[in-house]
Amino acid sequence: MTQFIHTHEHSFRQARSGRRTPSVLGGLVTAPLRWVAQAWVQHRDERLLQSMSDTQLRDLGISRGQIYLAVRDGLDR
């Protein structure tokens, strides 16, 4: 039979995770960085889809005119 020793593992995991309580200053710094990263991913994906042929786009179920909306908002299926 296995016995478990109860420890303060919760506080140990918190200390090891390196995560801190979010601060206002941290949010002011990370929010624009997240926005820039998201904008870059959307731009990259849009460029990739624009480089595909109409046949490839049709296989994906989108038309060339839907690329912008598909990348930004997704498509309802």
PDB file of N, CA and C in Angstrom:
ATOM      1  N   MET A   1       0.840  -1.166   0.000  1.00  0.00           N
ATOM      2  CA  MET A   1       0.000   0.000   0.000  1.00  0.00           C
ATOM      3  C   MET A   1       0.892   1.239   0.000  1.00  0.00           C
ATOM      4  N   THR A   2       0.523   2.215  -0.797  1.00  0.00           N
ATOM      5  CA  THR A   2       1.288   3.440  -0.889  1.00  0.00           C
ATOM      6  C   THR A   2       0.751   4.462   0.097  1.00  0.00           C
ATOM      7  N   GLN A   3       1.650   5.110   0.769  1.00  0.00           N
ATOM      8  CA  GLN A   3       1.260   6.163   1.692  1.00  0.00           C
ATOM      9  C   GLN A   3       1.780   7.490   1.161  1.00  0.00           C
ATOM     10  N   PHE A   4       0.952   8.490   1.242  1.00  0.00           N
ATOM     11  CA  PHE A   4       1.340   9.816   0.797  1.00  0.00           C
ATOM     12  C   PHE A   4       1.617  10.683   2.001  1.00  0.00           C
ATOM     13  N   ILE A   5       2.683  11.416   1.931  1.00  0.00           N
ATOM     14  CA  ILE A   5       3.025  12.350   2.997  1.00  0.00           C
ATOM     15  C   ILE A   5       2.494  13.711   2.583  1.00  0.00           C
ATOM     16  N   HIS A   6       1.693  14.292   3.429  1.00  0.00           N
ATOM     17  CA  HIS A   6       1.112  15.594   3.149  1.00  0.00           C
ATOM     18  C   HIS A   6       2.157  16.678   3.384  1.00  0.00           C
ATOM     19  N   THR A   7       2.375  17.502   2.380  1.00  0.00           N
ATOM     20  CA  THR A   7       3.326  18.610   2.520  1.00  0.00           C
ATOM     21  C   THR A   7       2.663  19.889   2.057  1.00  0.00           C
ATOM     22  N   HIS A   8       3.402  20.895   2.028  1.00  0.00           N
ATOM     23  CA  HIS A   8       2.910  22.187   1.548  1.00  0.00           C
ATOM     24  C   HIS A   8       3.190  22.290   0.056  1.00  0.00           C
ATOM     25  N   GLU A   9       2.694  21.331  -0.705  1.00  0.00           N
ATOM     26  CA  GLU A   9       3.023  21.290  -2.120  1.00  0.00           C
ATOM     27  C   GLU A   9       2.404  22.444  -2.900  1.00  0.00           C
ATOM     28  N   HIS A  10       1.275  22.951  -2.445  1.00  0.00           N
ATOM     29  CA  HIS A  10       0.652  24.063  -3.157  1.00  0.00           C
ATOM     30  C   HIS A  10       1.569  25.281  -3.150  1.00  0.00           C
ATOM     31  N   SER A  11       2.078  25.645  -1.995  1.00  0.00           N
ATOM     32  CA  SER A  11       2.961  26.810  -1.926  1.00  0.00           C
ATOM     33  C   SER A  11       4.279  26.521  -2.637  1.00  0.00           C
ATOM     34  N   PHE A  12       4.708  25.269  -2.643  1.00  0.00           N
ATOM     35  CA  PHE A  12       5.924  24.891  -3.350  1.00  0.00           C
ATOM     36  C   PHE A  12       5.730  25.079  -4.850  1.00  0.00           C
ATOM     37  N   ARG A  13       4.577  24.652  -5.366  1.00  0.00           N
ATOM     38  CA  ARG A  13       4.294  24.809  -6.801  1.00  0.00           C
ATOM     39  C   ARG A  13       4.216  26.286  -7.172  1.00  0.00           C
ATOM     40  N   GLN A  14       3.628  27.102  -6.317  1.00  0.00           N
ATOM     41  CA  GLN A  14       3.553  28.538  -6.600  1.00  0.00           C
ATOM     42  C   GLN A  14       4.947  29.143  -6.683  1.00  0.00           C
ATOM     43  N   ALA A  15       5.807  28.765  -5.768  1.00  0.00           N
ATOM     44  CA  ALA A  15       7.152  29.324  -5.756  1.00  0.00           C
ATOM     45  C   ALA A  15       7.941  28.873  -6.975  1.00  0.00           C
ATOM     46  N   ARG A  16       7.727  27.645  -7.423  1.00  0.00           N
ATOM     47  CA  ARG A  16       8.462  27.110  -8.560  1.00  0.00           C
ATOM     48  C   ARG A  16       7.907  27.568  -9.896  1.00  0.00           C
ATOM     49  N   SER A  17       6.635  27.943  -9.940  1.00  0.00           N
ATOM     50  CA  SER A  17       6.029  28.291 -11.217  1.00  0.00           C
ATOM     51  C   SER A  17       6.570  29.606 -11.767  1.00  0.00           C
ATOM     52  N   GLY A  18       7.076  30.466 -10.915  1.00  0.00           N
ATOM     53  CA  GLY A  18       7.615  31.729 -11.370  1.00  0.00           C
ATOM     54  C   GLY A  18       6.536  32.751 -11.709  1.00  0.00           C
ATOM     55  N   ARG A  19       5.293  32.388 -11.547  1.00  0.00           N
ATOM     56  CA  ARG A  19       4.215  33.327 -11.846  1.00  0.00           C
ATOM     57  C   ARG A  19       4.005  34.250 -10.666  1.00  0.00           C
ATOM     58  N   ARG A  20       3.742  35.472 -11.016  1.00  0.00           N
ATOM     59  CA  ARG A  20       3.478  36.468  -9.979  1.00  0.00           C
ATOM     60  C   ARG A  20       2.069  36.986 -10.151  1.00  0.00           C
ATOM     61  N   THR A  21       1.607  37.644  -9.141  1.00  0.00           N
ATOM     62  CA  THR A  21       0.305  38.275  -9.218  1.00  0.00           C
ATOM     63  C   THR A  21       0.377  39.399 -10.247  1.00  0.00           C
ATOM     64  N   PRO A  22      -0.569  39.435 -11.207  1.00  0.00           N
ATOM     65  CA  PRO A  22      -0.508  40.483 -12.226  1.00  0.00           C
ATOM     66  C   PRO A  22      -0.633  41.870 -11.616  1.00  0.00           C
ATOM     67  N   SER A  23       0.143  42.774 -12.141  1.00  0.00           N
ATOM     68  CA  SER A  23       0.088  44.148 -11.656  1.00  0.00           C
ATOM     69  C   SER A  23      -0.401  45.057 -12.773  1.00  0.00           C
ATOM     70  N   VAL A  24      -0.768  46.243 -12.423  1.00  0.00           N
ATOM     71  CA  VAL A  24      -1.230  47.210 -13.414  1.00  0.00           C
ATOM     72  C   VAL A  24      -0.093  47.534 -14.374  1.00  0.00           C
ATOM     73  N   LEU A  25       1.101  47.746 -13.847  1.00  0.00           N
ATOM     74  CA  LEU A  25       2.250  48.062 -14.686  1.00  0.00           C
ATOM     75  C   LEU A  25       2.555  46.908 -15.638  1.00  0.00           C
ATOM     76  N   GLY A  26       2.473  45.685 -15.140  1.00  0.00           N
ATOM     77  CA  GLY A  26       2.706  44.529 -15.996  1.00  0.00           C
ATOM     78  C   GLY A  26       1.691  44.444 -17.115  1.00  0.00           C
ATOM     79  N   GLY A  27       0.443  44.781 -16.822  1.00  0.00           N
ATOM     80  CA  GLY A  27      -0.596  44.781 -17.838  1.00  0.00           C
ATOM     81  C   GLY A  27      -0.375  45.853 -18.882  1.00  0.00           C
ATOM     82  N   LEU A  28       0.150  47.005 -18.454  1.00  0.00           N
ATOM     83  CA  LEU A  28       0.425  48.090 -19.397  1.00  0.00           C
ATOM     84  C   LEU A  28       1.547  47.724 -20.355  1.00  0.00           C
ATOM     85  N   VAL A  29       2.437  46.865 -19.913  1.00  0.00           N
ATOM     86  CA  VAL A  29       3.547  46.451 -20.761  1.00  0.00           C
ATOM     87  C   VAL A  29       3.150  45.269 -21.636  1.00  0.00           C
ATOM     88  N   THR A  30       2.487  44.281 -21.063  1.00  0.00           N
ATOM     89  CA  THR A  30       2.206  43.062 -21.814  1.00  0.00           C
ATOM     90  C   THR A  30       1.031  43.196 -22.771  1.00  0.00           C
ATOM     91  N   ALA A  31       0.063  44.043 -22.483  1.00  0.00           N
ATOM     92  CA  ALA A  31      -1.097  44.171 -23.372  1.00  0.00           C
ATOM     93  C   ALA A  31      -0.693  44.633 -24.773  1.00  0.00           C
ATOM     94  N   PRO A  32       0.131  45.675 -24.912  1.00  0.00           N
ATOM     95  CA  PRO A  32       0.549  46.055 -26.274  1.00  0.00           C
ATOM     96  C   PRO A  32       1.379  44.976 -26.955  1.00  0.00           C
ATOM     97  N   LEU A  33       2.192  44.260 -26.189  1.00  0.00           N
ATOM     98  CA  LEU A  33       2.988  43.185 -26.786  1.00  0.00           C
ATOM     99  C   LEU A  33       2.097  42.067 -27.301  1.00  0.00           C
ATOM    100  N   ARG A  34       1.046  41.734 -26.544  1.00  0.00           N
ATOM    101  CA  ARG A  34       0.093  40.711 -27.007  1.00  0.00           C
ATOM    102  C   ARG A  34      -0.620  41.175 -28.261  1.00  0.00           C
ATOM    103  N   TRP A  35      -0.980  42.466 -28.304  1.00  0.00           N
ATOM    104  CA  TRP A  35      -1.670  43.011 -29.469  1.00  0.00           C
ATOM    105  C   TRP A  35      -0.777  42.945 -30.704  1.00  0.00           C
ATOM    106  N   VAL A  36       0.492  43.313 -30.550  1.00  0.00           N
ATOM    107  CA  VAL A  36       1.432  43.273 -31.671  1.00  0.00           C
ATOM    108  C   VAL A  36       1.630  41.839 -32.149  1.00  0.00           C
ATOM    109  N   ALA A  37       1.770  40.909 -31.222  1.00  0.00           N
ATOM    110  CA  ALA A  37       1.941  39.507 -31.602  1.00  0.00           C
ATOM    111  C   ALA A  37       0.715  38.991 -32.341  1.00  0.00           C
ATOM    112  N   GLN A  38      -0.469  39.321 -31.862  1.00  0.00           N
ATOM    113  CA  GLN A  38      -1.695  38.882 -32.522  1.00  0.00           C
ATOM    114  C   GLN A  38      -1.816  39.505 -33.914  1.00  0.00           C
ATOM    115  N   ALA A  39      -1.469  40.782 -34.047  1.00  0.00           N
ATOM    116  CA  ALA A  39      -1.537  41.450 -35.350  1.00  0.00           C
ATOM    117  C   ALA A  39      -0.562  40.817 -36.327  1.00  0.00           C
ATOM    118  N   TRP A  40       0.627  40.437 -35.843  1.00  0.00           N
ATOM    119  CA  TRP A  40       1.606  39.806 -36.718  1.00  0.00           C
ATOM    120  C   TRP A  40       1.106  38.440 -37.190  1.00  0.00           C
ATOM    121  N   VAL A  41       0.539  37.660 -36.301  1.00  0.00           N
ATOM    122  CA  VAL A  41       0.018  36.337 -36.678  1.00  0.00           C
ATOM    123  C   VAL A  41      -1.104  36.485 -37.699  1.00  0.00           C
ATOM    124  N   GLN A  42      -1.986  37.437 -37.507  1.00  0.00           N
ATOM    125  CA  GLN A  42      -3.068  37.652 -38.465  1.00  0.00           C
ATOM    126  C   GLN A  42      -2.515  38.081 -39.820  1.00  0.00           C
ATOM    127  N   HIS A  43      -1.535  38.957 -39.829  1.00  0.00           N
ATOM    128  CA  HIS A  43      -0.912  39.408 -41.075  1.00  0.00           C
ATOM    129  C   HIS A  43      -0.247  38.240 -41.796  1.00  0.00           C
ATOM    130  N   ARG A  44       0.481  37.418 -41.043  1.00  0.00           N
ATOM    131  CA  ARG A  44       1.159  36.256 -41.614  1.00  0.00           C
ATOM    132  C   ARG A  44       0.163  35.281 -42.226  1.00  0.00           C
ATOM    133  N   ASP A  45      -0.910  35.002 -41.490  1.00  0.00           N
ATOM    134  CA  ASP A  45      -1.918  34.062 -41.979  1.00  0.00           C
ATOM    135  C   ASP A  45      -2.632  34.598 -43.212  1.00  0.00           C
ATOM    136  N   GLU A  46      -2.912  35.891 -43.218  1.00  0.00           N
ATOM    137  CA  GLU A  46      -3.563  36.499 -44.374  1.00  0.00           C
ATOM    138  C   GLU A  46      -2.660  36.423 -45.607  1.00  0.00           C
ATOM    139  N   ARG A  47      -1.380  36.701 -45.416  1.00  0.00           N
ATOM    140  CA  ARG A  47      -0.419  36.597 -46.526  1.00  0.00           C
ATOM    141  C   ARG A  47      -0.343  35.173 -47.062  1.00  0.00           C
ATOM    142  N   LEU A  48      -0.348  34.198 -46.161  1.00  0.00           N
ATOM    143  CA  LEU A  48      -0.293  32.791 -46.566  1.00  0.00           C
ATOM    144  C   LEU A  48      -1.509  32.427 -47.401  1.00  0.00           C
ATOM    145  N   LEU A  49      -2.695  32.819 -46.932  1.00  0.00           N
ATOM    146  CA  LEU A  49      -3.914  32.500 -47.677  1.00  0.00           C
ATOM    147  C   LEU A  49      -3.959  33.241 -49.015  1.00  0.00           C
ATOM    148  N   GLN A  50      -3.481  34.475 -49.068  1.00  0.00           N
ATOM    149  CA  GLN A  50      -3.463  35.228 -50.319  1.00  0.00           C
ATOM    150  C   GLN A  50      -2.543  34.573 -51.345  1.00  0.00           C
ATOM    151  N   SER A  51      -1.513  33.879 -50.869  1.00  0.00           N
ATOM    152  CA  SER A  51      -0.572  33.242 -51.798  1.00  0.00           C
ATOM    153  C   SER A  51      -1.106  31.926 -52.363  1.00  0.00           C
ATOM    154  N   MET A  52      -2.201  31.412 -51.812  1.00  0.00           N
ATOM    155  CA  MET A  52      -2.769  30.145 -52.289  1.00  0.00           C
ATOM    156  C   MET A  52      -3.583  30.368 -53.560  1.00  0.00           C
ATOM    157  N   SER A  53      -3.693  29.304 -54.328  1.00  0.00           N
ATOM    158  CA  SER A  53      -4.505  29.371 -55.541  1.00  0.00           C
ATOM    159  C   SER A  53      -5.988  29.320 -55.163  1.00  0.00           C
ATOM    160  N   ASP A  54      -6.832  29.692 -56.126  1.00  0.00           N
ATOM    161  CA  ASP A  54      -8.275  29.658 -55.876  1.00  0.00           C
ATOM    162  C   ASP A  54      -8.749  28.232 -55.603  1.00  0.00           C
ATOM    163  N   THR A  55      -8.119  27.257 -56.230  1.00  0.00           N
ATOM    164  CA  THR A  55      -8.476  25.852 -55.997  1.00  0.00           C
ATOM    165  C   THR A  55      -8.167  25.446 -54.556  1.00  0.00           C
ATOM    166  N   GLN A  56      -7.010  25.847 -54.064  1.00  0.00           N
ATOM    167  CA  GLN A  56      -6.641  25.525 -52.684  1.00  0.00           C
ATOM    168  C   GLN A  56      -7.582  26.206 -51.703  1.00  0.00           C
ATOM    169  N   LEU A  57      -7.930  27.459 -51.974  1.00  0.00           N
ATOM    170  CA  LEU A  57      -8.864  28.173 -51.103  1.00  0.00           C
ATOM    171  C   LEU A  57     -10.234  27.501 -51.118  1.00  0.00           C
ATOM    172  N   ARG A  58     -10.673  27.071 -52.285  1.00  0.00           N
ATOM    173  CA  ARG A  58     -11.961  26.391 -52.391  1.00  0.00           C
ATOM    174  C   ARG A  58     -11.939  25.091 -51.582  1.00  0.00           C
ATOM    175  N   ASP A  59     -10.800  24.382 -51.603  1.00  0.00           N
ATOM    176  CA  ASP A  59     -10.664  23.164 -50.792  1.00  0.00           C
ATOM    177  C   ASP A  59     -10.802  23.470 -49.304  1.00  0.00           C
ATOM    178  N   LEU A  60     -10.366  24.655 -48.893  1.00  0.00           N
ATOM    179  CA  LEU A  60     -10.494  25.075 -47.492  1.00  0.00           C
ATOM    180  C   LEU A  60     -11.891  25.599 -47.176  1.00  0.00           C
ATOM    181  N   GLY A  61     -12.663  25.883 -48.220  1.00  0.00           N
ATOM    182  CA  GLY A  61     -14.029  26.349 -48.018  1.00  0.00           C
ATOM    183  C   GLY A  61     -14.163  27.849 -47.909  1.00  0.00           C
ATOM    184  N   ILE A  62     -13.177  28.581 -48.421  1.00  0.00           N
ATOM    185  CA  ILE A  62     -13.267  30.046 -48.402  1.00  0.00           C
ATOM    186  C   ILE A  62     -12.969  30.593 -49.796  1.00  0.00           C
ATOM    187  N   SER A  63     -13.472  31.774 -50.055  1.00  0.00           N
ATOM    188  CA  SER A  63     -13.165  32.454 -51.306  1.00  0.00           C
ATOM    189  C   SER A  63     -12.122  33.532 -51.013  1.00  0.00           C
ATOM    190  N   ARG A  64     -11.536  34.059 -52.065  1.00  0.00           N
ATOM    191  CA  ARG A  64     -10.511  35.083 -51.896  1.00  0.00           C
ATOM    192  C   ARG A  64     -11.066  36.317 -51.171  1.00  0.00           C
ATOM    193  N   GLY A  65     -12.325  36.630 -51.386  1.00  0.00           N
ATOM    194  CA  GLY A  65     -12.943  37.774 -50.729  1.00  0.00           C
ATOM    195  C   GLY A  65     -13.209  37.563 -49.245  1.00  0.00           C
ATOM    196  N   GLN A  66     -13.172  36.325 -48.785  1.00  0.00           N
ATOM    197  CA  GLN A  66     -13.433  36.020 -47.375  1.00  0.00           C
ATOM    198  C   GLN A  66     -12.161  35.905 -46.542  1.00  0.00           C
ATOM    199  N   ILE A  67     -11.005  36.044 -47.154  1.00  0.00           N
ATOM    200  CA  ILE A  67      -9.744  35.822 -46.432  1.00  0.00           C
ATOM    201  C   ILE A  67      -9.617  36.758 -45.234  1.00  0.00           C
ATOM    202  N   TYR A  68      -9.865  38.036 -45.433  1.00  0.00           N
ATOM    203  CA  TYR A  68      -9.716  39.008 -44.339  1.00  0.00           C
ATOM    204  C   TYR A  68     -10.590  38.626 -43.145  1.00  0.00           C
ATOM    205  N   LEU A  69     -11.863  38.340 -43.417  1.00  0.00           N
ATOM    206  CA  LEU A  69     -12.777  37.992 -42.322  1.00  0.00           C
ATOM    207  C   LEU A  69     -12.436  36.637 -41.710  1.00  0.00           C
ATOM    208  N   ALA A  70     -11.998  35.701 -42.529  1.00  0.00           N
ATOM    209  CA  ALA A  70     -11.651  34.378 -42.018  1.00  0.00           C
ATOM    210  C   ALA A  70     -10.478  34.457 -41.045  1.00  0.00           C
ATOM    211  N   VAL A  71      -9.507  35.284 -41.380  1.00  0.00           N
ATOM    212  CA  VAL A  71      -8.330  35.420 -40.519  1.00  0.00           C
ATOM    213  C   VAL A  71      -8.678  36.203 -39.254  1.00  0.00           C
ATOM    214  N   ARG A  72      -9.432  37.285 -39.388  1.00  0.00           N
ATOM    215  CA  ARG A  72      -9.719  38.153 -38.250  1.00  0.00           C
ATOM    216  C   ARG A  72     -10.784  37.570 -37.313  1.00  0.00           C
ATOM    217  N   ASP A  73     -11.881  37.070 -37.900  1.00  0.00           N
ATOM    218  CA  ASP A  73     -13.018  36.665 -37.090  1.00  0.00           C
ATOM    219  C   ASP A  73     -13.323  35.171 -37.128  1.00  0.00           C
ATOM    220  N   GLY A  74     -12.737  34.453 -38.051  1.00  0.00           N
ATOM    221  CA  GLY A  74     -13.090  33.052 -38.236  1.00  0.00           C
ATOM    222  C   GLY A  74     -14.365  32.968 -39.076  1.00  0.00           C
ATOM    223  N   LEU A  75     -14.663  31.783 -39.501  1.00  0.00           N
ATOM    224  CA  LEU A  75     -15.860  31.568 -40.307  1.00  0.00           C
ATOM    225  C   LEU A  75     -16.852  30.719 -39.535  1.00  0.00           C
ATOM    226  N   ASP A  76     -18.123  31.056 -39.648  1.00  0.00           N
ATOM    227  CA  ASP A  76     -19.171  30.241 -39.024  1.00  0.00           C
ATOM    228  C   ASP A  76     -19.481  29.083 -39.954  1.00  0.00           C
ATOM    229  N   ARG A  77     -19.462  27.911 -39.418  1.00  0.00           N
ATOM    230  CA  ARG A  77     -19.771  26.719 -40.207  1.00  0.00           C
ATOM    231  C   ARG A  77     -20.884  25.970 -39.564  1.00  0.00           C
TER     232      ARG A  77
END
